[in-house]
Amino acid sequence: MKEELNDEVNHPDWYTADPSGVECIDVVSVLPNDLGCAVKYVWRHGRKWDELQDLRKALWYLDHAMRSGVTASGLNAIVATHCALIGSSFRQWSTTVSSVEDSWDGRDDDTMSGFFDSLRFLDVEGMRYHVILLIGECEAKGDGDADAAKGE
């Protein structure tokens, strides 16, 4: 059976709708769990259920990663190793993240573009900073609980 691109089990549209054509799993599959979960929640915010809750979950995972002692050099080694295990390279992964960043830059969304730029450099503090900005933007426009109905 052929997989559909917006199949809610294998390729849900909240993870495949990025104009870059990149699917979320192609970015997060080489990241440690905390960072992968954070990216997943940022990626889908505004596309699935409660936008504000997704951003708060992303912040929680980033804070957890920082409390766990995650360092940029350690992340570089982990991501490079994971890339090699799946037959890829850190450079290919970075290029993939850059295309997502560029798609946000093209939509004049500096905060999301900044988040993915920070991700590309495995800058957890930068990612955290941009998630805090996204939370502020979401609260300012009143999004959040009203979006919970999207998934019901």
Protein backbone atom coordinates (compact mmCIF):
# COMPACT_ATOMS: atom_id res chain seq x y z
CA MET A 1 0.00 0.00 0.00
CA LYS A 2 1.36 3.43 -0.96
CA GLU A 3 1.79 5.90 1.91
CA GLU A 4 -0.07 9.18 1.55
CA LEU A 5 1.90 12.33 2.39
CA ASN A 6 -0.65 13.54 4.93
CA ASP A 7 -1.41 10.14 6.45
CA GLU A 8 -2.00 10.97 10.14
CA VAL A 9 -0.04 7.91 11.30
CA ASN A 10 3.00 7.85 9.03
CA HIS A 11 3.20 11.41 7.69
CA PRO A 12 0.83 13.73 9.58
CA ASP A 13 0.38 17.08 7.88
CA TRP A 14 1.47 18.97 11.00
CA TYR A 15 4.94 17.47 10.43
CA THR A 16 4.98 17.54 6.60
CA ALA A 17 3.41 20.92 5.81
CA ASP A 18 6.62 22.95 5.86
CA PRO A 19 7.10 24.74 2.52
CA SER A 20 10.71 23.55 2.47
CA GLY A 21 9.42 20.04 1.78
CA VAL A 22 11.37 18.72 4.77
CA GLU A 23 9.54 16.39 7.12
CA CYS A 24 10.12 16.90 10.85
CA ILE A 25 11.47 13.37 11.37
CA ASP A 26 14.27 14.06 8.88
CA VAL A 27 15.57 16.70 11.29
CA VAL A 28 14.84 15.18 14.69
CA SER A 29 15.86 11.57 14.04
CA VAL A 30 19.53 12.32 14.75
CA LEU A 31 18.96 14.50 17.82
CA PRO A 32 19.03 13.42 21.46
CA ASN A 33 15.51 12.85 22.80
CA ASP A 34 15.10 16.17 24.65
CA LEU A 35 16.11 18.24 21.64
CA GLY A 36 14.13 16.09 19.22
CA CYS A 37 10.99 16.53 21.31
CA ALA A 38 11.56 20.29 21.59
CA VAL A 39 11.97 20.63 17.83
CA LYS A 40 8.88 18.47 17.25
CA TYR A 41 6.75 20.73 19.45
CA VAL A 42 8.05 23.91 17.83
CA TRP A 43 7.57 22.40 14.36
CA ARG A 44 3.92 21.54 14.94
CA HIS A 45 2.86 24.57 17.00
CA GLY A 46 -0.03 26.32 15.33
CA ARG A 47 -0.76 23.24 13.23
CA LYS A 48 -2.04 20.84 15.87
CA TRP A 49 -4.25 21.49 18.87
CA ASP A 50 -3.00 23.93 21.50
CA GLU A 51 -0.24 26.14 20.10
CA LEU A 52 0.77 27.65 23.43
CA GLN A 53 0.91 24.25 25.12
CA ASP A 54 3.18 22.91 22.35
CA LEU A 55 5.57 25.83 22.84
CA ARG A 56 5.59 25.38 26.61
CA LYS A 57 6.39 21.68 26.12
CA ALA A 58 9.26 22.65 23.80
CA LEU A 59 10.61 24.99 26.48
CA TRP A 60 10.34 22.24 29.09
CA TYR A 61 12.40 19.87 26.94
CA LEU A 62 15.03 22.52 26.22
CA ASP A 63 15.29 23.34 29.94
CA HIS A 64 15.60 19.63 30.71
CA ALA A 65 18.39 19.27 28.16
CA MET A 66 20.23 22.23 29.68
CA ARG A 67 19.83 20.86 33.22
CA SER A 68 21.21 17.56 31.95
CA GLY A 69 24.43 19.29 30.97
CA VAL A 70 24.07 19.25 27.19
CA THR A 71 26.97 21.04 25.51
CA ALA A 72 27.43 22.14 21.89
CA SER A 73 30.52 19.97 21.45
CA GLY A 74 28.74 16.97 22.92
CA LEU A 75 25.76 17.57 20.65
CA ASN A 76 28.01 17.86 17.60
CA ALA A 77 29.50 14.46 18.39
CA ILE A 78 26.09 12.86 18.99
CA VAL A 79 24.50 14.28 15.86
CA ALA A 80 27.53 13.41 13.70
CA THR A 81 27.49 9.84 15.04
CA HIS A 82 23.74 9.46 14.50
CA CYS A 83 24.06 10.85 10.98
CA ALA A 84 26.79 8.34 10.19
CA LEU A 85 24.64 5.50 11.52
CA ILE A 86 21.89 6.32 9.02
CA GLY A 87 24.29 6.83 6.13
CA SER A 88 24.24 10.61 6.19
CA SER A 89 26.58 13.35 7.36
CA PHE A 90 26.43 16.29 9.71
CA ARG A 91 26.80 18.57 6.67
CA GLN A 92 23.74 17.00 4.98
CA TRP A 93 21.72 17.36 8.19
CA SER A 94 22.81 20.99 8.56
CA THR A 95 21.80 21.69 4.95
CA THR A 96 18.38 20.15 5.62
CA VAL A 97 17.89 22.37 8.69
CA SER A 98 19.06 25.38 6.64
CA SER A 99 16.33 24.75 4.07
CA VAL A 100 13.72 24.80 6.86
CA GLU A 101 15.28 27.98 8.25
CA ASP A 102 15.19 29.56 4.78
CA SER A 103 11.50 28.69 4.37
CA TRP A 104 10.72 30.58 7.59
CA ASP A 105 12.99 33.44 6.57
CA GLY A 106 11.03 33.67 3.31
CA ARG A 107 7.83 34.07 5.33
CA ASP A 108 9.32 36.98 7.27
CA ASP A 109 9.18 35.07 10.53
CA ASP A 110 12.43 36.03 12.22
CA THR A 111 11.65 34.12 15.40
CA MET A 112 11.11 30.76 13.70
CA SER A 113 14.02 31.41 11.36
CA GLY A 114 16.17 32.19 14.40
CA PHE A 115 15.04 29.01 16.13
CA PHE A 116 16.13 26.86 13.19
CA ASP A 117 19.36 28.82 12.80
CA SER A 118 20.11 28.05 16.45
CA LEU A 119 19.23 24.41 15.85
CA ARG A 120 21.58 24.24 12.87
CA PHE A 121 24.42 25.33 15.15
CA LEU A 122 23.12 23.11 18.01
CA ASP A 123 22.81 26.22 20.18
CA VAL A 124 20.36 25.09 22.86
CA GLU A 125 20.36 28.48 24.62
CA GLY A 126 19.54 30.18 21.31
CA MET A 127 16.75 27.69 20.67
CA ARG A 128 15.40 28.35 24.17
CA TYR A 129 15.54 32.13 23.61
CA HIS A 130 13.50 31.83 20.41
CA VAL A 131 10.92 29.54 22.03
CA ILE A 132 10.44 32.13 24.77
CA LEU A 133 9.88 34.75 22.05
CA LEU A 134 7.38 32.45 20.32
CA ILE A 135 5.51 31.96 23.60
CA GLY A 136 5.33 35.74 24.03
CA GLU A 137 4.06 36.18 20.46
CA CYS A 138 1.46 33.46 20.99
CA GLU A 139 0.26 34.98 24.27
CA ALA A 140 0.12 38.46 22.71
CA LYS A 141 -2.19 37.31 19.92
CA GLY A 142 -4.31 35.30 22.36
CA ASP A 143 -3.62 31.87 20.83
CA GLY A 144 -3.52 28.75 22.89
CA ASP A 145 -6.56 27.27 24.54
CA ALA A 146 -8.85 28.29 21.68
CA ASP A 147 -6.67 26.22 19.36
CA ALA A 148 -7.36 23.08 21.38
CA ALA A 149 -10.50 22.54 19.34
CA LYS A 150 -8.43 21.98 16.18
CA GLY A 151 -7.65 18.41 17.14
CA GLU A 152 -11.11 17.46 18.34
